N, C-alpha and C. Protein backbone atom coordinates (compact mmCIF):
# COMPACT_ATOMS: atom_id res chain seq x y z
N UNK A 1 18.62 -9.15 137.31
CA UNK A 1 17.58 -9.90 138.00
C UNK A 1 16.30 -9.06 138.01
N UNK A 2 15.22 -9.68 137.62
CA UNK A 2 13.93 -8.98 137.57
C UNK A 2 13.41 -8.73 138.98
N UNK A 3 12.86 -7.55 139.16
CA UNK A 3 12.24 -7.23 140.45
C UNK A 3 10.84 -7.83 140.48
N UNK A 4 10.37 -8.07 141.68
CA UNK A 4 9.04 -8.67 141.82
C UNK A 4 7.97 -7.61 141.57
N UNK A 5 6.87 -8.06 141.05
CA UNK A 5 5.73 -7.20 140.76
C UNK A 5 4.77 -7.27 141.94
N UNK A 6 4.39 -6.11 142.46
CA UNK A 6 3.47 -6.02 143.59
C UNK A 6 2.23 -5.28 143.12
N UNK A 7 1.09 -5.94 143.20
CA UNK A 7 -0.18 -5.32 142.78
C UNK A 7 -0.85 -4.74 144.02
N UNK A 8 -1.04 -3.42 144.01
CA UNK A 8 -1.71 -2.75 145.12
C UNK A 8 -3.16 -3.25 145.24
N UNK A 9 -3.73 -3.22 146.44
CA UNK A 9 -5.11 -3.72 146.62
C UNK A 9 -6.13 -3.06 145.70
N UNK A 10 -6.05 -1.76 145.49
CA UNK A 10 -7.01 -1.10 144.61
C UNK A 10 -6.85 -1.56 143.16
N UNK A 11 -5.61 -1.80 142.74
CA UNK A 11 -5.37 -2.31 141.39
C UNK A 11 -5.94 -3.72 141.26
N UNK A 12 -5.83 -4.51 142.32
CA UNK A 12 -6.40 -5.85 142.30
C UNK A 12 -7.92 -5.78 142.14
N UNK A 13 -8.55 -4.81 142.79
CA UNK A 13 -9.99 -4.61 142.62
C UNK A 13 -10.32 -4.20 141.18
N UNK A 14 -9.47 -3.36 140.58
CA UNK A 14 -9.65 -2.99 139.17
C UNK A 14 -9.66 -4.24 138.29
N UNK A 15 -8.69 -5.11 138.54
CA UNK A 15 -8.54 -6.33 137.74
C UNK A 15 -9.75 -7.23 137.91
N UNK A 16 -10.16 -7.45 139.14
CA UNK A 16 -11.31 -8.31 139.40
C UNK A 16 -12.58 -7.78 138.74
N UNK A 17 -12.80 -6.48 138.85
CA UNK A 17 -14.00 -5.88 138.26
C UNK A 17 -14.00 -6.02 136.74
N UNK A 18 -12.85 -5.79 136.12
CA UNK A 18 -12.77 -5.91 134.66
C UNK A 18 -12.98 -7.36 134.22
N UNK A 19 -12.35 -8.29 134.91
CA UNK A 19 -12.49 -9.70 134.54
C UNK A 19 -13.93 -10.17 134.67
N UNK A 20 -14.60 -9.77 135.74
CA UNK A 20 -16.01 -10.14 135.94
C UNK A 20 -16.87 -9.53 134.84
N UNK A 21 -16.63 -8.26 134.53
CA UNK A 21 -17.43 -7.60 133.49
C UNK A 21 -17.26 -8.31 132.15
N UNK A 22 -16.02 -8.62 131.77
CA UNK A 22 -15.79 -9.31 130.50
C UNK A 22 -16.40 -10.71 130.50
N UNK A 23 -16.30 -11.40 131.61
CA UNK A 23 -16.87 -12.75 131.69
C UNK A 23 -18.39 -12.69 131.57
N UNK A 24 -19.00 -11.64 132.12
CA UNK A 24 -20.45 -11.47 131.99
C UNK A 24 -20.86 -11.19 130.55
N UNK A 25 -19.97 -10.57 129.78
CA UNK A 25 -20.27 -10.27 128.39
C UNK A 25 -20.24 -11.53 127.52
N UNK A 26 -19.24 -12.36 127.78
CA UNK A 26 -19.11 -13.61 127.02
C UNK A 26 -18.25 -14.59 127.81
N UNK A 27 -18.73 -15.80 127.91
CA UNK A 27 -18.01 -16.83 128.64
C UNK A 27 -16.59 -16.99 128.09
N UNK A 28 -15.62 -16.95 128.97
CA UNK A 28 -14.23 -17.12 128.58
C UNK A 28 -13.49 -15.81 128.32
N UNK A 29 -14.24 -14.73 128.13
CA UNK A 29 -13.60 -13.45 127.82
C UNK A 29 -12.86 -12.89 129.04
N UNK A 30 -13.39 -13.11 130.22
CA UNK A 30 -12.70 -12.69 131.44
C UNK A 30 -11.36 -13.40 131.60
N UNK A 31 -11.33 -14.68 131.26
CA UNK A 31 -10.10 -15.45 131.32
C UNK A 31 -9.09 -14.93 130.30
N UNK A 32 -9.57 -14.59 129.11
CA UNK A 32 -8.68 -14.01 128.08
C UNK A 32 -8.08 -12.69 128.56
N UNK A 33 -8.91 -11.87 129.22
CA UNK A 33 -8.42 -10.62 129.78
C UNK A 33 -7.30 -10.89 130.79
N UNK A 34 -7.54 -11.82 131.71
CA UNK A 34 -6.54 -12.14 132.73
C UNK A 34 -5.27 -12.72 132.12
N UNK A 35 -5.42 -13.56 131.09
CA UNK A 35 -4.25 -14.12 130.41
C UNK A 35 -3.40 -13.02 129.78
N UNK A 36 -4.06 -12.10 129.09
CA UNK A 36 -3.31 -11.01 128.45
C UNK A 36 -2.66 -10.12 129.51
N UNK A 37 -3.37 -9.86 130.58
CA UNK A 37 -2.82 -9.06 131.66
C UNK A 37 -1.57 -9.73 132.24
N UNK A 38 -1.62 -11.05 132.38
CA UNK A 38 -0.46 -11.79 132.86
C UNK A 38 0.75 -11.62 131.96
N UNK A 39 0.52 -11.62 130.64
CA UNK A 39 1.61 -11.40 129.69
C UNK A 39 2.19 -10.00 129.82
N UNK A 40 1.32 -9.02 130.00
CA UNK A 40 1.79 -7.64 130.19
C UNK A 40 2.59 -7.54 131.49
N UNK A 41 2.13 -8.19 132.54
CA UNK A 41 2.88 -8.18 133.80
C UNK A 41 4.28 -8.77 133.59
N UNK A 42 4.38 -9.85 132.81
CA UNK A 42 5.69 -10.44 132.53
C UNK A 42 6.59 -9.46 131.79
N UNK A 43 6.02 -8.75 130.81
CA UNK A 43 6.80 -7.75 130.06
C UNK A 43 7.28 -6.63 130.98
N UNK A 44 6.42 -6.21 131.89
CA UNK A 44 6.79 -5.16 132.84
C UNK A 44 7.93 -5.65 133.73
N UNK A 45 7.82 -6.86 134.25
CA UNK A 45 8.87 -7.41 135.12
C UNK A 45 10.20 -7.54 134.39
N UNK A 46 10.14 -7.97 133.14
CA UNK A 46 11.35 -8.19 132.36
C UNK A 46 12.07 -6.89 132.03
N UNK A 47 11.31 -5.88 131.62
CA UNK A 47 11.92 -4.62 131.21
C UNK A 47 10.95 -3.46 131.42
N UNK A 48 10.81 -2.99 132.64
CA UNK A 48 9.82 -1.94 132.92
C UNK A 48 10.09 -0.64 132.18
N UNK A 49 11.33 -0.39 131.84
CA UNK A 49 11.66 0.89 131.20
C UNK A 49 11.33 0.93 129.71
N UNK A 50 10.83 -0.16 129.17
CA UNK A 50 10.38 -0.14 127.78
C UNK A 50 9.08 0.65 127.63
N UNK A 51 8.43 0.94 128.75
CA UNK A 51 7.14 1.64 128.73
C UNK A 51 7.36 3.11 129.07
N UNK A 52 6.63 3.95 128.37
CA UNK A 52 6.79 5.40 128.52
C UNK A 52 6.31 5.89 129.88
N UNK A 53 6.98 6.94 130.34
CA UNK A 53 6.52 7.63 131.55
C UNK A 53 5.35 8.52 131.18
N UNK A 54 4.37 8.55 132.07
CA UNK A 54 3.22 9.44 131.89
C UNK A 54 3.42 10.74 132.64
N UNK A 55 3.79 10.60 133.90
CA UNK A 55 3.97 11.76 134.76
C UNK A 55 4.86 11.35 135.92
N UNK A 56 5.87 12.12 136.19
CA UNK A 56 6.79 11.74 137.26
C UNK A 56 7.40 10.39 136.98
N UNK A 57 7.29 9.50 137.92
CA UNK A 57 7.85 8.15 137.78
C UNK A 57 6.83 7.11 137.30
N UNK A 58 5.61 7.52 137.08
CA UNK A 58 4.55 6.57 136.69
C UNK A 58 4.68 6.22 135.21
N UNK A 59 4.67 4.93 134.94
CA UNK A 59 4.71 4.41 133.57
C UNK A 59 3.39 3.69 133.28
N UNK A 60 3.10 3.52 131.98
CA UNK A 60 1.88 2.82 131.60
C UNK A 60 2.19 1.80 130.51
N UNK A 61 1.71 0.58 130.74
CA UNK A 61 1.79 -0.50 129.75
C UNK A 61 0.38 -0.77 129.25
N UNK A 62 0.23 -0.91 127.94
CA UNK A 62 -1.08 -1.12 127.35
C UNK A 62 -1.31 -2.59 127.01
N UNK A 63 -2.54 -3.05 127.23
CA UNK A 63 -2.93 -4.36 126.74
C UNK A 63 -3.23 -4.23 125.25
N UNK A 64 -3.02 -5.28 124.50
CA UNK A 64 -3.20 -5.21 123.04
C UNK A 64 -4.64 -5.44 122.60
N UNK A 65 -5.36 -6.33 123.26
CA UNK A 65 -6.70 -6.70 122.81
C UNK A 65 -7.83 -6.16 123.68
N UNK A 66 -7.47 -5.44 124.71
CA UNK A 66 -8.46 -4.84 125.61
C UNK A 66 -8.04 -3.40 125.86
N UNK A 67 -9.00 -2.49 125.99
CA UNK A 67 -8.66 -1.07 126.15
C UNK A 67 -8.29 -0.72 127.60
N UNK A 68 -7.24 -1.36 128.09
CA UNK A 68 -6.79 -1.16 129.47
C UNK A 68 -5.32 -0.80 129.51
N UNK A 69 -4.96 -0.04 130.53
CA UNK A 69 -3.58 0.30 130.79
C UNK A 69 -3.20 -0.11 132.20
N UNK A 70 -1.95 -0.54 132.35
CA UNK A 70 -1.40 -0.88 133.66
C UNK A 70 -0.48 0.27 134.07
N UNK A 71 -0.80 0.92 135.17
CA UNK A 71 -0.05 2.07 135.66
C UNK A 71 0.84 1.59 136.80
N UNK A 72 2.15 1.85 136.69
CA UNK A 72 3.08 1.30 137.68
C UNK A 72 4.26 2.24 137.91
N UNK A 73 4.93 2.00 139.03
CA UNK A 73 6.17 2.70 139.35
C UNK A 73 7.23 1.67 139.73
N UNK A 74 8.48 2.07 139.58
CA UNK A 74 9.60 1.24 140.00
C UNK A 74 10.12 1.77 141.33
N UNK A 75 10.35 0.88 142.26
CA UNK A 75 11.05 1.22 143.49
C UNK A 75 12.25 0.29 143.59
N UNK A 76 13.09 0.48 144.58
CA UNK A 76 14.36 -0.23 144.62
C UNK A 76 14.24 -1.75 144.50
N UNK A 77 13.28 -2.35 145.17
CA UNK A 77 13.21 -3.81 145.17
C UNK A 77 11.97 -4.38 144.51
N UNK A 78 11.13 -3.52 143.94
CA UNK A 78 9.87 -4.03 143.38
C UNK A 78 9.34 -3.08 142.30
N UNK A 79 8.37 -3.58 141.60
CA UNK A 79 7.58 -2.78 140.66
C UNK A 79 6.17 -2.78 141.23
N UNK A 80 5.65 -1.60 141.48
CA UNK A 80 4.35 -1.46 142.14
C UNK A 80 3.29 -1.11 141.11
N UNK A 81 2.28 -1.97 140.97
CA UNK A 81 1.15 -1.69 140.09
C UNK A 81 0.14 -0.87 140.89
N UNK A 82 -0.07 0.36 140.43
CA UNK A 82 -0.98 1.29 141.11
C UNK A 82 -2.42 1.12 140.66
N UNK A 83 -2.60 0.83 139.36
CA UNK A 83 -3.96 0.77 138.81
C UNK A 83 -3.95 -0.02 137.51
N UNK A 84 -5.08 -0.61 137.19
CA UNK A 84 -5.34 -1.25 135.90
C UNK A 84 -6.67 -0.67 135.45
N UNK A 85 -6.61 0.27 134.49
CA UNK A 85 -7.78 1.09 134.18
C UNK A 85 -8.17 1.05 132.72
N UNK A 86 -9.46 1.16 132.48
CA UNK A 86 -10.02 1.28 131.14
C UNK A 86 -9.57 2.61 130.56
N UNK A 87 -9.10 2.61 129.34
CA UNK A 87 -8.52 3.81 128.74
C UNK A 87 -9.55 4.85 128.33
N UNK A 88 -10.82 4.47 128.25
CA UNK A 88 -11.85 5.41 127.82
C UNK A 88 -12.62 6.01 128.99
N UNK A 89 -12.18 5.70 130.18
CA UNK A 89 -12.78 6.30 131.38
C UNK A 89 -11.82 7.34 131.91
N UNK A 90 -12.12 7.92 133.06
CA UNK A 90 -11.30 8.99 133.62
C UNK A 90 -9.83 8.58 133.67
N UNK A 91 -8.99 9.19 132.85
CA UNK A 91 -7.59 8.78 132.77
C UNK A 91 -6.74 9.22 133.96
N UNK A 92 -7.29 10.05 134.82
CA UNK A 92 -6.50 10.57 135.93
C UNK A 92 -6.75 9.86 137.26
N UNK A 93 -7.53 8.79 137.25
CA UNK A 93 -7.83 8.06 138.48
C UNK A 93 -6.55 7.58 139.15
N UNK A 94 -5.58 7.14 138.37
CA UNK A 94 -4.35 6.61 138.94
C UNK A 94 -3.60 7.65 139.77
N UNK A 95 -3.82 8.93 139.49
CA UNK A 95 -3.09 9.98 140.20
C UNK A 95 -3.42 10.03 141.69
N UNK A 96 -4.57 9.52 142.06
CA UNK A 96 -4.96 9.53 143.47
C UNK A 96 -4.43 8.31 144.23
N UNK A 97 -3.71 7.44 143.54
CA UNK A 97 -3.21 6.22 144.17
C UNK A 97 -1.70 6.31 144.37
N UNK A 98 -1.24 5.80 145.49
CA UNK A 98 0.21 5.81 145.73
C UNK A 98 0.65 4.56 146.45
């Protein structure tokens, strides 16, 4: 049975900021970002261990068409999304989130 995915508030802000930025660049691009993110979330829920560990228990799933990574951990009853970050910016931001 798949565990539920829980998006932390700061990760939700990451997602909103990215979607708005992409939508400002081109109409519909923000929606494409969110659609792809939804597919990645489904893959994480289905099999979180398919994604490599970065440090400790933190894993990262990459989007295919956008330079973003989803940083998450597994706990007993859920998968916690800590951050959704641009890969070309400070890669250690997720370390300050728990």
